[in-house]
Amino acid sequence: MLETAQMSWFLVASLALIVIPGQDNIYIITRGIAQGRKAALVSAWGVGLGLLIYTSLTALGLSALLKESNPAFAAVKYVGAAYLTYLGARMILSKGSLTILGEERPEVRLRAIFFQGVASNALNPKVALFFLAFLPQFVSPEENPTWQLAVLGSIFTLLTLVITSLLAYFSGSLGDWLRRKPGSARVLQWLAGSVLIGLGVRLALATQG
């Protein structure tokens, strides 16, 4: 398996990349501010599962298909962009998408938010290309590459889950505080929806390189 020095570099590089504001972090923070801590935490776990999906694809070599196939990349990209835009528009148009302070969110709603987090990541081909470019740099040629990619991807996912869960917790606290302010709920709803739509547009404009 990886040497200690190589693993150390991998952990440092992974943490540096995870804390950089990106789609996942923005998505989770938006959920936390607009819909509360539970929604943000569930979104973080959904995003984590999306990363595990790409870990499997990378280990099996399937991510290379997205890199080499323009139609496949475009198809996944536009479906993902449309989905994020749909989530944002639905949040803006909905009259009851925000959690009332102290109210328990139904379990079925949290399940929906979880799978929305999975989809927001699984439908982003840039994540596949990132894994394909990043993980192989730390693979030892003397060992089984499939096993190494699976382990490295799992470690990256675990680190991401820890960081995004912290973001979810504090963004949920901020959202709770803001919702105590009169008239802030609707503003938060519009802001969150606009951010999701912006993420969708950003993904739609992403290039394959």
N, C-alpha and C. Protein backbone atom coordinates (compact mmCIF):
# COMPACT_ATOMS: atom_id res chain seq x y z
N MET A 1 0.85 -1.19 0.00
CA MET A 1 0.00 0.00 0.00
C MET A 1 0.88 1.23 0.00
N LEU A 2 0.30 2.43 0.14
CA LEU A 2 1.05 3.67 0.04
C LEU A 2 2.05 3.80 1.17
N GLU A 3 3.19 4.41 0.86
CA GLU A 3 4.17 4.72 1.88
C GLU A 3 3.65 5.86 2.75
N THR A 4 4.25 6.00 3.95
CA THR A 4 3.80 7.01 4.90
C THR A 4 3.90 8.42 4.31
N ALA A 5 5.02 8.73 3.68
CA ALA A 5 5.21 10.06 3.10
C ALA A 5 4.19 10.34 2.00
N GLN A 6 3.95 9.34 1.17
CA GLN A 6 2.99 9.51 0.08
C GLN A 6 1.58 9.72 0.61
N MET A 7 1.22 8.96 1.64
CA MET A 7 -0.09 9.10 2.26
C MET A 7 -0.23 10.47 2.91
N SER A 8 0.85 10.95 3.52
CA SER A 8 0.81 12.27 4.16
C SER A 8 0.53 13.37 3.13
N TRP A 9 1.20 13.28 1.99
CA TRP A 9 0.97 14.25 0.93
C TRP A 9 -0.47 14.15 0.42
N PHE A 10 -0.97 12.95 0.32
CA PHE A 10 -2.35 12.76 -0.13
C PHE A 10 -3.33 13.42 0.84
N LEU A 11 -3.12 13.22 2.13
CA LEU A 11 -4.02 13.80 3.14
C LEU A 11 -3.97 15.32 3.12
N VAL A 12 -2.76 15.88 3.01
CA VAL A 12 -2.61 17.33 2.98
C VAL A 12 -3.29 17.90 1.73
N ALA A 13 -3.03 17.29 0.58
CA ALA A 13 -3.63 17.77 -0.66
C ALA A 13 -5.15 17.65 -0.63
N SER A 14 -5.64 16.54 -0.08
CA SER A 14 -7.09 16.33 -0.01
C SER A 14 -7.76 17.38 0.86
N LEU A 15 -7.20 17.63 2.04
CA LEU A 15 -7.78 18.63 2.94
C LEU A 15 -7.77 20.01 2.31
N ALA A 16 -6.68 20.33 1.62
CA ALA A 16 -6.60 21.64 0.96
C ALA A 16 -7.68 21.78 -0.10
N LEU A 17 -7.92 20.72 -0.85
CA LEU A 17 -8.93 20.77 -1.91
C LEU A 17 -10.35 20.79 -1.34
N ILE A 18 -10.55 20.08 -0.24
CA ILE A 18 -11.90 19.98 0.33
C ILE A 18 -12.37 21.30 0.90
N VAL A 19 -11.46 22.05 1.55
CA VAL A 19 -11.87 23.28 2.21
C VAL A 19 -12.05 24.44 1.22
N ILE A 20 -11.53 24.29 -0.01
CA ILE A 20 -11.73 25.33 -1.01
C ILE A 20 -13.22 25.41 -1.35
N PRO A 21 -13.82 26.61 -1.31
CA PRO A 21 -15.24 26.72 -1.63
C PRO A 21 -15.54 26.19 -3.03
N GLY A 22 -16.41 25.20 -3.11
CA GLY A 22 -16.80 24.61 -4.37
C GLY A 22 -18.28 24.29 -4.36
N GLN A 23 -18.74 23.57 -5.37
CA GLN A 23 -20.17 23.29 -5.48
C GLN A 23 -20.71 22.57 -4.26
N ASP A 24 -20.00 21.54 -3.78
CA ASP A 24 -20.50 20.77 -2.64
C ASP A 24 -20.65 21.64 -1.40
N ASN A 25 -19.60 22.41 -1.07
CA ASN A 25 -19.64 23.25 0.11
C ASN A 25 -20.73 24.30 0.02
N ILE A 26 -20.84 24.94 -1.14
CA ILE A 26 -21.86 25.97 -1.33
C ILE A 26 -23.26 25.35 -1.22
N TYR A 27 -23.43 24.18 -1.83
CA TYR A 27 -24.73 23.50 -1.80
C TYR A 27 -25.14 23.19 -0.36
N ILE A 28 -24.21 22.67 0.44
CA ILE A 28 -24.52 22.28 1.82
C ILE A 28 -24.78 23.51 2.69
N ILE A 29 -23.95 24.54 2.55
CA ILE A 29 -24.16 25.76 3.33
C ILE A 29 -25.50 26.38 3.00
N THR A 30 -25.85 26.38 1.71
CA THR A 30 -27.14 26.93 1.29
C THR A 30 -28.29 26.17 1.93
N ARG A 31 -28.21 24.85 1.94
CA ARG A 31 -29.24 24.04 2.58
C ARG A 31 -29.34 24.36 4.07
N GLY A 32 -28.18 24.49 4.73
CA GLY A 32 -28.19 24.75 6.16
C GLY A 32 -28.81 26.08 6.51
N ILE A 33 -28.44 27.13 5.79
CA ILE A 33 -28.98 28.45 6.08
C ILE A 33 -30.47 28.51 5.79
N ALA A 34 -30.90 27.89 4.70
CA ALA A 34 -32.29 27.99 4.27
C ALA A 34 -33.20 27.00 4.97
N GLN A 35 -32.71 25.78 5.26
CA GLN A 35 -33.60 24.73 5.73
C GLN A 35 -33.18 24.09 7.05
N GLY A 36 -32.12 24.57 7.66
CA GLY A 36 -31.77 24.09 8.98
C GLY A 36 -30.67 23.05 9.00
N ARG A 37 -30.21 22.76 10.22
CA ARG A 37 -29.06 21.89 10.43
C ARG A 37 -29.30 20.47 9.93
N LYS A 38 -30.48 19.91 10.18
CA LYS A 38 -30.76 18.54 9.76
C LYS A 38 -30.67 18.40 8.25
N ALA A 39 -31.27 19.36 7.54
CA ALA A 39 -31.24 19.30 6.08
C ALA A 39 -29.81 19.40 5.57
N ALA A 40 -28.99 20.25 6.20
CA ALA A 40 -27.61 20.41 5.77
C ALA A 40 -26.80 19.15 6.03
N LEU A 41 -26.97 18.54 7.20
CA LEU A 41 -26.24 17.32 7.53
C LEU A 41 -26.62 16.18 6.59
N VAL A 42 -27.91 16.04 6.33
CA VAL A 42 -28.38 14.99 5.43
C VAL A 42 -27.84 15.24 4.02
N SER A 43 -27.79 16.51 3.61
CA SER A 43 -27.22 16.85 2.30
C SER A 43 -25.74 16.47 2.24
N ALA A 44 -25.02 16.71 3.34
CA ALA A 44 -23.60 16.37 3.39
C ALA A 44 -23.40 14.86 3.22
N TRP A 45 -24.23 14.08 3.87
CA TRP A 45 -24.13 12.62 3.73
C TRP A 45 -24.50 12.17 2.33
N GLY A 46 -25.47 12.84 1.72
CA GLY A 46 -25.82 12.52 0.34
C GLY A 46 -24.68 12.83 -0.62
N VAL A 47 -24.04 13.97 -0.41
CA VAL A 47 -22.88 14.33 -1.22
C VAL A 47 -21.77 13.30 -1.04
N GLY A 48 -21.60 12.82 0.20
CA GLY A 48 -20.60 11.79 0.46
C GLY A 48 -20.86 10.52 -0.32
N LEU A 49 -22.12 10.12 -0.39
CA LEU A 49 -22.46 8.92 -1.16
C LEU A 49 -22.18 9.16 -2.65
N GLY A 50 -22.44 10.38 -3.12
CA GLY A 50 -22.12 10.70 -4.51
C GLY A 50 -20.64 10.56 -4.80
N LEU A 51 -19.80 10.95 -3.84
CA LEU A 51 -18.35 10.78 -4.00
C LEU A 51 -17.97 9.30 -4.03
N LEU A 52 -18.64 8.50 -3.23
CA LEU A 52 -18.35 7.06 -3.24
C LEU A 52 -18.71 6.44 -4.59
N ILE A 53 -19.76 6.95 -5.20
CA ILE A 53 -20.13 6.46 -6.54
C ILE A 53 -18.99 6.72 -7.52
N TYR A 54 -18.44 7.92 -7.47
CA TYR A 54 -17.33 8.24 -8.38
C TYR A 54 -16.04 7.54 -7.99
N THR A 55 -15.89 7.22 -6.71
CA THR A 55 -14.75 6.40 -6.29
C THR A 55 -14.82 5.04 -6.97
N SER A 56 -15.99 4.44 -6.98
CA SER A 56 -16.17 3.14 -7.63
C SER A 56 -15.93 3.24 -9.13
N LEU A 57 -16.47 4.30 -9.75
CA LEU A 57 -16.29 4.47 -11.19
C LEU A 57 -14.82 4.66 -11.55
N THR A 58 -14.11 5.43 -10.73
CA THR A 58 -12.69 5.67 -10.99
C THR A 58 -11.89 4.38 -10.84
N ALA A 59 -12.19 3.63 -9.77
CA ALA A 59 -11.47 2.38 -9.54
C ALA A 59 -11.70 1.39 -10.66
N LEU A 60 -12.89 1.41 -11.23
CA LEU A 60 -13.21 0.48 -12.32
C LEU A 60 -12.80 1.03 -13.69
N GLY A 61 -12.32 2.26 -13.73
CA GLY A 61 -11.88 2.85 -14.99
C GLY A 61 -12.98 3.46 -15.81
N LEU A 62 -14.20 3.53 -15.28
CA LEU A 62 -15.32 4.03 -16.08
C LEU A 62 -15.31 5.55 -16.22
N SER A 63 -14.65 6.24 -15.27
CA SER A 63 -14.60 7.70 -15.37
C SER A 63 -13.89 8.15 -16.63
N ALA A 64 -12.98 7.31 -17.13
CA ALA A 64 -12.26 7.66 -18.36
C ALA A 64 -13.21 7.83 -19.53
N LEU A 65 -14.35 7.16 -19.48
CA LEU A 65 -15.33 7.30 -20.55
C LEU A 65 -15.84 8.73 -20.67
N LEU A 66 -16.07 9.37 -19.50
CA LEU A 66 -16.53 10.75 -19.51
C LEU A 66 -15.46 11.69 -20.05
N LYS A 67 -14.20 11.34 -19.78
CA LYS A 67 -13.11 12.18 -20.25
C LYS A 67 -12.95 12.09 -21.76
N GLU A 68 -13.18 10.90 -22.30
CA GLU A 68 -12.94 10.67 -23.73
C GLU A 68 -14.17 10.90 -24.59
N SER A 69 -15.36 10.85 -23.98
CA SER A 69 -16.58 10.94 -24.77
C SER A 69 -17.27 12.28 -24.54
N ASN A 70 -17.26 13.14 -25.56
CA ASN A 70 -17.95 14.42 -25.45
C ASN A 70 -19.45 14.26 -25.24
N PRO A 71 -20.13 13.37 -25.98
CA PRO A 71 -21.58 13.21 -25.76
C PRO A 71 -21.92 12.75 -24.34
N ALA A 72 -21.15 11.82 -23.80
CA ALA A 72 -21.42 11.32 -22.45
C ALA A 72 -21.22 12.43 -21.43
N PHE A 73 -20.14 13.19 -21.58
CA PHE A 73 -19.87 14.30 -20.67
C PHE A 73 -21.00 15.32 -20.73
N ALA A 74 -21.40 15.68 -21.94
CA ALA A 74 -22.45 16.68 -22.12
C ALA A 74 -23.78 16.21 -21.54
N ALA A 75 -24.10 14.94 -21.75
CA ALA A 75 -25.36 14.40 -21.26
C ALA A 75 -25.44 14.49 -19.74
N VAL A 76 -24.39 14.01 -19.06
CA VAL A 76 -24.38 14.04 -17.60
C VAL A 76 -24.39 15.48 -17.10
N LYS A 77 -23.61 16.34 -17.76
CA LYS A 77 -23.50 17.73 -17.34
C LYS A 77 -24.84 18.44 -17.41
N TYR A 78 -25.56 18.29 -18.52
CA TYR A 78 -26.81 19.02 -18.69
C TYR A 78 -27.94 18.46 -17.81
N VAL A 79 -27.91 17.17 -17.59
CA VAL A 79 -28.90 16.60 -16.65
C VAL A 79 -28.65 17.15 -15.25
N GLY A 80 -27.39 17.19 -14.84
CA GLY A 80 -27.06 17.72 -13.53
C GLY A 80 -27.40 19.19 -13.41
N ALA A 81 -27.11 19.97 -14.44
CA ALA A 81 -27.41 21.40 -14.42
C ALA A 81 -28.92 21.63 -14.34
N ALA A 82 -29.67 20.85 -15.11
CA ALA A 82 -31.13 20.98 -15.09
C ALA A 82 -31.69 20.62 -13.71
N TYR A 83 -31.08 19.61 -13.08
CA TYR A 83 -31.58 19.17 -11.77
C TYR A 83 -31.33 20.25 -10.71
N LEU A 84 -30.15 20.83 -10.69
CA LEU A 84 -29.87 21.89 -9.73
C LEU A 84 -30.76 23.10 -9.96
N THR A 85 -30.97 23.44 -11.22
CA THR A 85 -31.84 24.56 -11.55
C THR A 85 -33.27 24.28 -11.09
N TYR A 86 -33.72 23.04 -11.28
CA TYR A 86 -35.05 22.64 -10.84
C TYR A 86 -35.18 22.78 -9.33
N LEU A 87 -34.18 22.31 -8.58
CA LEU A 87 -34.22 22.42 -7.12
C LEU A 87 -34.29 23.88 -6.69
N GLY A 88 -33.49 24.73 -7.34
CA GLY A 88 -33.50 26.14 -6.99
C GLY A 88 -34.83 26.81 -7.29
N ALA A 89 -35.38 26.52 -8.46
CA ALA A 89 -36.67 27.11 -8.84
C ALA A 89 -37.78 26.64 -7.91
N ARG A 90 -37.75 25.36 -7.55
CA ARG A 90 -38.78 24.83 -6.65
C ARG A 90 -38.69 25.48 -5.28
N MET A 91 -37.45 25.74 -4.81
CA MET A 91 -37.28 26.38 -3.52
C MET A 91 -37.81 27.81 -3.54
N ILE A 92 -37.57 28.53 -4.64
CA ILE A 92 -38.05 29.91 -4.74
C ILE A 92 -39.57 29.95 -4.80
N LEU A 93 -40.16 29.04 -5.56
CA LEU A 93 -41.61 29.06 -5.78
C LEU A 93 -42.40 28.46 -4.63
N SER A 94 -41.75 27.60 -3.84
CA SER A 94 -42.47 26.94 -2.75
C SER A 94 -42.76 27.92 -1.62
N LYS A 95 -43.91 27.75 -1.01
CA LYS A 95 -44.30 28.61 0.11
C LYS A 95 -43.95 27.99 1.46
N GLY A 96 -43.50 26.72 1.44
CA GLY A 96 -43.26 26.08 2.73
C GLY A 96 -42.02 25.23 2.76
N SER A 97 -40.97 25.63 2.03
CA SER A 97 -39.79 24.78 1.97
C SER A 97 -38.84 25.01 3.14
N LEU A 98 -39.04 26.11 3.90
CA LEU A 98 -38.16 26.36 5.02
C LEU A 98 -38.69 25.70 6.28
N THR A 99 -37.77 25.24 7.12
CA THR A 99 -38.15 24.63 8.39
C THR A 99 -38.49 25.71 9.39
N ILE A 100 -39.64 25.58 10.03
CA ILE A 100 -39.99 26.49 11.12
C ILE A 100 -39.16 26.12 12.33
N LEU A 101 -38.63 27.11 13.03
CA LEU A 101 -37.74 26.86 14.15
C LEU A 101 -38.45 26.00 15.19
N GLY A 102 -37.85 24.88 15.57
CA GLY A 102 -38.41 23.99 16.56
C GLY A 102 -39.32 22.93 16.00
N GLU A 103 -39.60 22.99 14.71
CA GLU A 103 -40.48 22.01 14.09
C GLU A 103 -39.68 20.82 13.59
N GLU A 104 -40.17 19.61 13.79
CA GLU A 104 -39.51 18.41 13.32
C GLU A 104 -39.83 18.18 11.85
N ARG A 105 -38.81 17.99 11.04
CA ARG A 105 -39.01 17.73 9.62
C ARG A 105 -39.37 16.27 9.41
N PRO A 106 -40.41 15.95 8.63
CA PRO A 106 -40.78 14.56 8.42
C PRO A 106 -39.64 13.75 7.84
N GLU A 107 -39.58 12.48 8.23
CA GLU A 107 -38.49 11.62 7.80
C GLU A 107 -38.45 11.50 6.28
N VAL A 108 -39.60 11.43 5.64
CA VAL A 108 -39.62 11.28 4.19
C VAL A 108 -39.00 12.48 3.51
N ARG A 109 -39.16 13.66 4.10
CA ARG A 109 -38.57 14.86 3.53
C ARG A 109 -37.05 14.79 3.63
N LEU A 110 -36.53 14.31 4.75
CA LEU A 110 -35.08 14.19 4.90
C LEU A 110 -34.52 13.17 3.92
N ARG A 111 -35.27 12.11 3.66
CA ARG A 111 -34.82 11.13 2.66
C ARG A 111 -34.73 11.79 1.29
N ALA A 112 -35.71 12.63 0.97
CA ALA A 112 -35.69 13.32 -0.32
C ALA A 112 -34.47 14.24 -0.42
N ILE A 113 -34.17 14.96 0.65
CA ILE A 113 -33.02 15.86 0.67
C ILE A 113 -31.73 15.06 0.53
N PHE A 114 -31.68 13.89 1.17
CA PHE A 114 -30.49 13.03 1.07
C PHE A 114 -30.23 12.64 -0.38
N PHE A 115 -31.25 12.18 -1.07
CA PHE A 115 -31.06 11.74 -2.45
C PHE A 115 -30.84 12.91 -3.39
N GLN A 116 -31.34 14.09 -3.03
CA GLN A 116 -31.01 15.28 -3.81
C GLN A 116 -29.53 15.60 -3.69
N GLY A 117 -28.96 15.39 -2.50
CA GLY A 117 -27.52 15.58 -2.32
C GLY A 117 -26.72 14.59 -3.13
N VAL A 118 -27.18 13.34 -3.16
CA VAL A 118 -26.51 12.32 -3.98
C VAL A 118 -26.53 12.73 -5.45
N ALA A 119 -27.72 13.14 -5.91
CA ALA A 119 -27.87 13.48 -7.33
C ALA A 119 -27.07 14.71 -7.71
N SER A 120 -26.99 15.69 -6.80
CA SER A 120 -26.26 16.92 -7.12
C SER A 120 -24.79 16.64 -7.40
N ASN A 121 -24.25 15.59 -6.78
CA ASN A 121 -22.86 15.23 -7.00
C ASN A 121 -22.70 14.19 -8.09
N ALA A 122 -23.58 13.19 -8.08
CA ALA A 122 -23.47 12.10 -9.05
C ALA A 122 -23.72 12.57 -10.48
N LEU A 123 -24.43 13.69 -10.63
CA LEU A 123 -24.72 14.22 -11.97
C LEU A 123 -23.77 15.36 -12.36
N ASN A 124 -22.64 15.43 -11.68
CA ASN A 124 -21.64 16.44 -12.01
C ASN A 124 -20.41 15.74 -12.58
N PRO A 125 -20.22 15.73 -13.90
CA PRO A 125 -19.10 15.00 -14.50
C PRO A 125 -17.74 15.58 -14.14
N LYS A 126 -17.70 16.84 -13.68
CA LYS A 126 -16.44 17.43 -13.26
C LYS A 126 -15.86 16.69 -12.05
N VAL A 127 -16.73 16.12 -11.23
CA VAL A 127 -16.26 15.33 -10.08
C VAL A 127 -15.54 14.08 -10.58
N ALA A 128 -16.10 13.44 -11.61
CA ALA A 128 -15.47 12.26 -12.18
C ALA A 128 -14.09 12.59 -12.73
N LEU A 129 -14.00 13.70 -13.46
CA LEU A 129 -12.72 14.09 -14.03
C LEU A 129 -11.71 14.46 -12.95
N PHE A 130 -12.20 15.06 -11.88
CA PHE A 130 -11.30 15.39 -10.76
C PHE A 130 -10.71 14.12 -10.15
N PHE A 131 -11.55 13.14 -9.89
CA PHE A 131 -11.07 11.89 -9.31
C PHE A 131 -10.09 11.21 -10.27
N LEU A 132 -10.39 11.26 -11.54
CA LEU A 132 -9.54 10.61 -12.54
C LEU A 132 -8.18 11.29 -12.62
N ALA A 133 -8.13 12.60 -12.39
CA ALA A 133 -6.86 13.33 -12.46
C ALA A 133 -6.10 13.31 -11.14
N PHE A 134 -6.84 13.31 -10.02
CA PHE A 134 -6.20 13.48 -8.71
C PHE A 134 -5.72 12.17 -8.10
N LEU A 135 -6.60 11.18 -8.01
CA LEU A 135 -6.27 9.96 -7.29
C LEU A 135 -5.09 9.19 -7.88
N PRO A 136 -4.99 9.04 -9.21
CA PRO A 136 -3.88 8.23 -9.75
C PRO A 136 -2.49 8.78 -9.43
N GLN A 137 -2.40 10.05 -9.05
CA GLN A 137 -1.09 10.62 -8.72
C GLN A 137 -0.48 9.96 -7.49
N PHE A 138 -1.31 9.32 -6.68
CA PHE A 138 -0.83 8.74 -5.42
C PHE A 138 -0.86 7.21 -5.46
N VAL A 139 -1.03 6.66 -6.64
CA VAL A 139 -1.07 5.20 -6.79
C VAL A 139 0.33 4.67 -7.04
N SER A 140 0.69 3.62 -6.31
CA SER A 140 1.98 2.97 -6.50
C SER A 140 1.87 1.94 -7.61
N PRO A 141 2.77 1.96 -8.61
CA PRO A 141 2.68 1.03 -9.73
C PRO A 141 2.97 -0.42 -9.32
N GLU A 142 3.57 -0.61 -8.16
CA GLU A 142 3.89 -1.97 -7.73
C GLU A 142 2.69 -2.69 -7.12
N GLU A 143 1.64 -1.95 -6.80
CA GLU A 143 0.47 -2.54 -6.16
C GLU A 143 -0.73 -2.53 -7.10
N ASN A 144 -1.80 -3.22 -6.67
CA ASN A 144 -3.04 -3.28 -7.44
C ASN A 144 -3.66 -1.89 -7.54
N PRO A 145 -3.74 -1.29 -8.73
CA PRO A 145 -4.26 0.08 -8.84
C PRO A 145 -5.73 0.20 -8.48
N THR A 146 -6.52 -0.82 -8.81
CA THR A 146 -7.95 -0.76 -8.50
C THR A 146 -8.18 -0.66 -7.01
N TRP A 147 -7.47 -1.48 -6.25
CA TRP A 147 -7.61 -1.47 -4.79
C TRP A 147 -7.13 -0.14 -4.22
N GLN A 148 -6.02 0.36 -4.74
CA GLN A 148 -5.48 1.62 -4.23
C GLN A 148 -6.43 2.79 -4.52
N LEU A 149 -6.99 2.83 -5.71
CA LEU A 149 -7.93 3.90 -6.05
C LEU A 149 -9.17 3.84 -5.17
N ALA A 150 -9.64 2.64 -4.88
CA ALA A 150 -10.81 2.48 -4.01
C ALA A 150 -10.52 2.99 -2.61
N VAL A 151 -9.34 2.65 -2.08
CA VAL A 151 -8.97 3.09 -0.73
C VAL A 151 -8.79 4.61 -0.69
N LEU A 152 -8.06 5.15 -1.66
CA LEU A 152 -7.83 6.58 -1.69
C LEU A 152 -9.14 7.36 -1.83
N GLY A 153 -10.01 6.90 -2.70
CA GLY A 153 -11.30 7.56 -2.88
C GLY A 153 -12.14 7.51 -1.62
N SER A 154 -12.08 6.39 -0.91
CA SER A 154 -12.84 6.25 0.34
C SER A 154 -12.31 7.20 1.41
N ILE A 155 -10.98 7.32 1.48
CA ILE A 155 -10.38 8.25 2.45
C ILE A 155 -10.77 9.68 2.12
N PHE A 156 -10.71 10.04 0.83
CA PHE A 156 -11.10 11.39 0.42
C PHE A 156 -12.56 11.65 0.78
N THR A 157 -13.42 10.66 0.56
CA THR A 157 -14.84 10.80 0.88
C THR A 157 -15.04 10.99 2.37
N LEU A 158 -14.32 10.23 3.19
CA LEU A 158 -14.44 10.34 4.65
C LEU A 158 -14.01 11.73 5.12
N LEU A 159 -12.90 12.22 4.58
CA LEU A 159 -12.44 13.56 4.94
C LEU A 159 -13.47 14.61 4.53
N THR A 160 -14.01 14.44 3.34
CA THR A 160 -15.04 15.37 2.86
C THR A 160 -16.26 15.36 3.77
N LEU A 161 -16.65 14.18 4.20
CA LEU A 161 -17.83 14.06 5.07
C LEU A 161 -17.61 14.76 6.39
N VAL A 162 -16.42 14.65 6.95
CA VAL A 162 -16.11 15.33 8.22
C VAL A 162 -16.18 16.84 8.05
N ILE A 163 -15.53 17.36 7.00
CA ILE A 163 -15.50 18.80 6.78
C ILE A 163 -16.88 19.35 6.46
N THR A 164 -17.59 18.67 5.57
CA THR A 164 -18.91 19.18 5.17
C THR A 164 -19.93 19.05 6.30
N SER A 165 -19.76 18.06 7.17
CA SER A 165 -20.66 17.95 8.33
C SER A 165 -20.46 19.12 9.28
N LEU A 166 -19.21 19.56 9.45
CA LEU A 166 -18.94 20.75 10.26
C LEU A 166 -19.56 21.99 9.62
N LEU A 167 -19.40 22.11 8.30
CA LEU A 167 -20.02 23.23 7.60
C LEU A 167 -21.54 23.20 7.76
N ALA A 168 -22.10 21.99 7.66
CA ALA A 168 -23.55 21.83 7.79
C ALA A 168 -24.02 22.26 9.17
N TYR A 169 -23.28 21.87 10.18
CA TYR A 169 -23.67 22.19 11.56
C TYR A 169 -23.69 23.70 11.78
N PHE A 170 -22.61 24.37 11.38
CA PHE A 170 -22.53 25.80 11.64
C PHE A 170 -23.43 26.61 10.71
N SER A 171 -23.63 26.14 9.47
CA SER A 171 -24.56 26.85 8.59
C SER A 171 -25.99 26.70 9.09
N GLY A 172 -26.30 25.53 9.67
CA GLY A 172 -27.62 25.34 10.26
C GLY A 172 -27.84 26.27 11.44
N SER A 173 -26.80 26.46 12.26
CA SER A 173 -26.90 27.38 13.39
C SER A 173 -27.13 28.81 12.91
N LEU A 174 -26.41 29.18 11.84
CA LEU A 174 -26.60 30.52 11.27
C LEU A 174 -28.01 30.68 10.72
N GLY A 175 -28.52 29.62 10.06
CA GLY A 175 -29.87 29.68 9.54
C GLY A 175 -30.91 29.82 10.65
N ASP A 176 -30.70 29.09 11.77
CA ASP A 176 -31.62 29.21 12.91
C ASP A 176 -31.63 30.64 13.45
N TRP A 177 -30.45 31.23 13.52
CA TRP A 177 -30.36 32.60 14.04
C TRP A 177 -31.06 33.59 13.10
N LEU A 178 -30.86 33.40 11.80
CA LEU A 178 -31.46 34.32 10.83
C LEU A 178 -32.98 34.19 10.81
N ARG A 179 -33.47 32.96 11.03
CA ARG A 179 -34.92 32.76 10.98
C ARG A 179 -35.63 33.39 12.17
N ARG A 180 -34.87 33.76 13.20
CA ARG A 180 -35.47 34.47 14.33
C ARG A 180 -35.73 35.94 13.98
N LYS A 181 -35.14 36.40 12.89
CA LYS A 181 -35.33 37.77 12.45
C LYS A 181 -36.60 37.88 11.63
N PRO A 182 -37.48 38.81 11.95
CA PRO A 182 -38.74 38.95 11.22
C PRO A 182 -38.52 39.18 9.73
N GLY A 183 -39.24 38.43 8.93
CA GLY A 183 -39.19 38.63 7.49
C GLY A 183 -38.00 38.00 6.79
N SER A 184 -37.13 37.33 7.55
CA SER A 184 -35.93 36.79 6.91
C SER A 184 -36.18 35.48 6.18
N ALA A 185 -37.23 34.74 6.56
CA ALA A 185 -37.46 33.41 5.99
C ALA A 185 -37.61 33.45 4.47
N ARG A 186 -38.42 34.38 3.98
CA ARG A 186 -38.65 34.44 2.54
C ARG A 186 -37.39 34.88 1.80
N VAL A 187 -36.64 35.80 2.43
CA VAL A 187 -35.39 36.25 1.82
C VAL A 187 -34.41 35.09 1.71
N LEU A 188 -34.31 34.29 2.78
CA LEU A 188 -33.44 33.13 2.77
C LEU A 188 -33.85 32.15 1.69
N GLN A 189 -35.16 31.97 1.53
CA GLN A 189 -35.66 31.03 0.53
C GLN A 189 -35.27 31.48 -0.87
N TRP A 190 -35.43 32.75 -1.16
CA TRP A 190 -35.04 33.29 -2.47
C TRP A 190 -33.53 33.20 -2.67
N LEU A 191 -32.78 33.51 -1.62
CA LEU A 191 -31.32 33.46 -1.72
C LEU A 191 -30.84 32.04 -2.00
N ALA A 192 -31.38 31.07 -1.24
CA ALA A 192 -30.98 29.68 -1.41
C ALA A 192 -31.33 29.18 -2.80
N GLY A 193 -32.54 29.49 -3.25
CA GLY A 193 -32.95 29.06 -4.58
C GLY A 193 -32.09 29.66 -5.67
N SER A 194 -31.75 30.94 -5.51
CA SER A 194 -30.91 31.61 -6.50
C SER A 194 -29.52 31.00 -6.57
N VAL A 195 -28.97 30.62 -5.41
CA VAL A 195 -27.64 30.00 -5.37
C VAL A 195 -27.67 28.65 -6.10
N LEU A 196 -28.71 27.86 -5.87
CA LEU A 196 -28.82 26.56 -6.54
C LEU A 196 -28.95 26.73 -8.06
N ILE A 197 -29.74 27.72 -8.47
CA ILE A 197 -29.85 27.99 -9.91
C ILE A 197 -28.50 28.42 -10.47
N GLY A 198 -27.78 29.25 -9.70
CA GLY A 198 -26.46 29.67 -10.13
C GLY A 198 -25.49 28.50 -10.29
N LEU A 199 -25.57 27.54 -9.37
CA LEU A 199 -24.74 26.35 -9.49
C LEU A 199 -25.09 25.55 -10.74
N GLY A 200 -26.40 25.50 -11.04
CA GLY A 200 -26.83 24.80 -12.24
C GLY A 200 -26.30 25.45 -13.50
N VAL A 201 -26.36 26.78 -13.56
CA VAL A 201 -25.85 27.51 -14.72
C VAL A 201 -24.35 27.31 -14.84
N ARG A 202 -23.66 27.36 -13.69
CA ARG A 202 -22.21 27.16 -13.70
C ARG A 202 -21.83 25.78 -14.25
N LEU A 203 -22.58 24.77 -13.84
CA LEU A 203 -22.32 23.43 -14.32
C LEU A 203 -22.61 23.32 -15.82
N ALA A 204 -23.68 23.95 -16.27
CA ALA A 204 -24.04 23.90 -17.69
C ALA A 204 -22.95 24.53 -18.56
N LEU A 205 -22.25 25.51 -18.03
CA LEU A 205 -21.22 26.21 -18.79
C LEU A 205 -19.84 25.56 -18.64
N ALA A 206 -19.75 24.52 -17.81
CA ALA A 206 -18.45 23.89 -17.57
C ALA A 206 -17.95 23.21 -18.83
N THR A 207 -16.65 23.28 -19.03
CA THR A 207 -16.03 22.60 -20.18
C THR A 207 -15.44 21.28 -19.73
N GLN A 208 -15.14 20.44 -20.69
CA GLN A 208 -14.66 19.09 -20.39
C GLN A 208 -13.20 19.08 -19.94
N GLY A 209 -12.41 20.04 -20.34
CA GLY A 209 -11.00 20.04 -20.01
C GLY A 209 -10.71 20.36 -18.58
